[in-house]
């Protein structure tokens, strides 16, 4: 059991080993990989261009997002084709960027 706090309004704690929390995500590796890159691109534009004045103040969230991106890029190659790993990465990343200021 690996507990994860989703943050946000719900502030729900979920078990990352429970595959049901990923049921809304695709089971296709390429779709998940593309979704992750879309989310990374969105967060980059959001923090660095659209709301860069806010993110000069909220550096902790920007730092957390950058850590998630670093983890993903460092481990993506070793997990290529692992649908469950990709689902987890997308889920965690979406939880973080859903709560962007």
C-alpha atoms as a PDB file:
ATOM      1  CA  UNK A   1       0.000   0.000   0.000  1.00  0.00           C
ATOM      2  CA  UNK A   2       1.386   3.353  -1.092  1.00  0.00           C
ATOM      3  CA  UNK A   3      -0.731   6.236   0.151  1.00  0.00           C
ATOM      4  CA  UNK A   4      -0.905   9.444  -1.835  1.00  0.00           C
ATOM      5  CA  UNK A   5      -2.579  12.715  -0.872  1.00  0.00           C
ATOM      6  CA  UNK A   6      -4.331  14.117  -3.942  1.00  0.00           C
ATOM      7  CA  UNK A   7      -4.424  17.624  -2.466  1.00  0.00           C
ATOM      8  CA  UNK A   8      -6.881  20.209  -3.710  1.00  0.00           C
ATOM      9  CA  UNK A   9     -10.389  20.741  -2.437  1.00  0.00           C
ATOM     10  CA  UNK A  10     -11.129  17.048  -1.882  1.00  0.00           C
ATOM     11  CA  UNK A  11      -7.772  16.404  -0.169  1.00  0.00           C
ATOM     12  CA  UNK A  12      -8.389  12.699  -0.666  1.00  0.00           C
ATOM     13  CA  UNK A  13      -5.843  10.038   0.237  1.00  0.00           C
ATOM     14  CA  UNK A  14      -5.653   7.143  -2.212  1.00  0.00           C
ATOM     15  CA  UNK A  15      -3.647   3.948  -2.517  1.00  0.00           C
ATOM     16  CA  UNK A  16      -1.453   4.158  -5.619  1.00  0.00           C
ATOM     17  CA  UNK A  17      -1.493   0.347  -5.801  1.00  0.00           C
ATOM     18  CA  UNK A  18      -5.294   0.347  -6.260  1.00  0.00           C
ATOM     19  CA  UNK A  19      -5.735   0.127 -10.036  1.00  0.00           C
ATOM     20  CA  UNK A  20      -9.306   1.436  -9.730  1.00  0.00           C
ATOM     21  CA  UNK A  21      -8.034   4.992  -9.238  1.00  0.00           C
ATOM     22  CA  UNK A  22      -6.646   4.832 -12.772  1.00  0.00           C
ATOM     23  CA  UNK A  23      -9.854   3.511 -14.357  1.00  0.00           C
ATOM     24  CA  UNK A  24     -10.533   6.855 -16.076  1.00  0.00           C
ATOM     25  CA  UNK A  25      -7.189   6.664 -17.914  1.00  0.00           C
ATOM     26  CA  UNK A  26      -6.498   4.899 -21.179  1.00  0.00           C
ATOM     27  CA  UNK A  27      -4.838   1.487 -21.132  1.00  0.00           C
ATOM     28  CA  UNK A  28      -2.807   2.258 -24.243  1.00  0.00           C
ATOM     29  CA  UNK A  29       0.853   3.017 -23.655  1.00  0.00           C
ATOM     30  CA  UNK A  30       1.230   5.572 -26.480  1.00  0.00           C
ATOM     31  CA  UNK A  31      -1.927   7.421 -25.419  1.00  0.00           C
ATOM     32  CA  UNK A  32      -0.660   7.684 -21.838  1.00  0.00           C
ATOM     33  CA  UNK A  33       2.782   8.792 -22.974  1.00  0.00           C
ATOM     34  CA  UNK A  34       1.290  11.479 -25.203  1.00  0.00           C
ATOM     35  CA  UNK A  35      -1.048  12.604 -22.416  1.00  0.00           C
ATOM     36  CA  UNK A  36       1.890  12.999 -20.058  1.00  0.00           C
ATOM     37  CA  UNK A  37       3.745  15.144 -22.584  1.00  0.00           C
ATOM     38  CA  UNK A  38       0.602  17.251 -23.118  1.00  0.00           C
ATOM     39  CA  UNK A  39       0.257  17.815 -19.372  1.00  0.00           C
ATOM     40  CA  UNK A  40       3.951  18.720 -19.075  1.00  0.00           C
ATOM     41  CA  UNK A  41       3.629  21.210 -21.933  1.00  0.00           C
ATOM     42  CA  UNK A  42       0.497  22.745 -20.441  1.00  0.00           C
ATOM     43  CA  UNK A  43       2.097  23.165 -17.021  1.00  0.00           C
ATOM     44  CA  UNK A  44       5.206  24.683 -18.586  1.00  0.00           C
ATOM     45  CA  UNK A  45       3.187  27.321 -20.440  1.00  0.00           C
ATOM     46  CA  UNK A  46       0.969  27.945 -17.420  1.00  0.00           C
ATOM     47  CA  UNK A  47       3.873  28.541 -15.023  1.00  0.00           C
ATOM     48  CA  UNK A  48       6.376  30.236 -17.314  1.00  0.00           C
ATOM     49  CA  UNK A  49       4.214  32.355 -19.604  1.00  0.00           C
ATOM     50  CA  UNK A  50       0.546  32.681 -18.695  1.00  0.00           C
ATOM     51  CA  UNK A  51       1.057  33.088 -14.930  1.00  0.00           C
ATOM     52  CA  UNK A  52       4.775  33.630 -14.531  1.00  0.00           C
ATOM     53  CA  UNK A  53       4.150  36.491 -12.089  1.00  0.00           C
ATOM     54  CA  UNK A  54       2.314  34.107  -9.727  1.00  0.00           C
ATOM     55  CA  UNK A  55       4.958  31.396 -10.014  1.00  0.00           C
ATOM     56  CA  UNK A  56       7.722  33.752  -9.051  1.00  0.00           C
ATOM     57  CA  UNK A  57       5.944  33.767  -5.654  1.00  0.00           C
ATOM     58  CA  UNK A  58       4.801  30.109  -5.508  1.00  0.00           C
ATOM     59  CA  UNK A  59       8.168  28.553  -6.181  1.00  0.00           C
ATOM     60  CA  UNK A  60       7.418  25.466  -4.074  1.00  0.00           C
ATOM     61  CA  UNK A  61       4.704  24.251  -6.437  1.00  0.00           C
ATOM     62  CA  UNK A  62       6.838  24.994  -9.476  1.00  0.00           C
ATOM     63  CA  UNK A  63       9.676  23.081  -7.836  1.00  0.00           C
ATOM     64  CA  UNK A  64       7.374  20.111  -7.140  1.00  0.00           C
ATOM     65  CA  UNK A  65       6.180  20.056 -10.758  1.00  0.00           C
ATOM     66  CA  UNK A  66       9.762  20.216 -12.002  1.00  0.00           C
ATOM     67  CA  UNK A  67      10.668  17.299  -9.704  1.00  0.00           C
ATOM     68  CA  UNK A  68       7.805  15.240 -11.155  1.00  0.00           C
ATOM     69  CA  UNK A  69       8.948  16.058 -14.690  1.00  0.00           C
ATOM     70  CA  UNK A  70      12.531  15.120 -13.785  1.00  0.00           C
ATOM     71  CA  UNK A  71      11.387  11.804 -12.292  1.00  0.00           C
ATOM     72  CA  UNK A  72       9.316  11.043 -15.371  1.00  0.00           C
ATOM     73  CA  UNK A  73      12.089  11.834 -17.841  1.00  0.00           C
ATOM     74  CA  UNK A  74      14.707   9.956 -15.812  1.00  0.00           C
ATOM     75  CA  UNK A  75      12.580   6.795 -15.606  1.00  0.00           C
ATOM     76  CA  UNK A  76      10.454   6.855 -18.754  1.00  0.00           C
ATOM     77  CA  UNK A  77      12.949   4.852 -20.803  1.00  0.00           C
ATOM     78  CA  UNK A  78      13.173   2.050 -18.216  1.00  0.00           C
ATOM     79  CA  UNK A  79       9.368   1.831 -18.004  1.00  0.00           C
ATOM     80  CA  UNK A  80       8.598   1.989 -21.706  1.00  0.00           C
ATOM     81  CA  UNK A  81       5.535  -0.142 -22.339  1.00  0.00           C
ATOM     82  CA  UNK A  82       4.621  -0.396 -18.635  1.00  0.00           C
ATOM     83  CA  UNK A  83       1.054   0.880 -18.791  1.00  0.00           C
ATOM     84  CA  UNK A  84       0.525   0.849 -15.027  1.00  0.00           C
ATOM     85  CA  UNK A  85       3.663   2.937 -14.403  1.00  0.00           C
ATOM     86  CA  UNK A  86       2.501   5.487 -16.965  1.00  0.00           C
ATOM     87  CA  UNK A  87      -0.984   5.602 -15.460  1.00  0.00           C
ATOM     88  CA  UNK A  88       0.516   6.332 -12.062  1.00  0.00           C
ATOM     89  CA  UNK A  89       2.735   9.103 -13.430  1.00  0.00           C
ATOM     90  CA  UNK A  90      -0.157  10.756 -15.273  1.00  0.00           C
ATOM     91  CA  UNK A  91      -2.402  10.473 -12.204  1.00  0.00           C
ATOM     92  CA  UNK A  92       0.157  12.049  -9.852  1.00  0.00           C
ATOM     93  CA  UNK A  93       1.040  14.781 -12.330  1.00  0.00           C
ATOM     94  CA  UNK A  94      -2.599  15.658 -12.989  1.00  0.00           C
ATOM     95  CA  UNK A  95      -3.274  15.846  -9.252  1.00  0.00           C
ATOM     96  CA  UNK A  96      -0.435  18.347  -8.903  1.00  0.00           C
ATOM     97  CA  UNK A  97      -1.312  20.570 -11.843  1.00  0.00           C
ATOM     98  CA  UNK A  98      -5.043  20.490 -11.054  1.00  0.00           C
ATOM     99  CA  UNK A  99      -4.160  22.540  -7.988  1.00  0.00           C
ATOM    100  CA  UNK A 100      -2.113  25.147  -9.818  1.00  0.00           C
ATOM    101  CA  UNK A 101      -2.751  28.634  -8.476  1.00  0.00           C
END
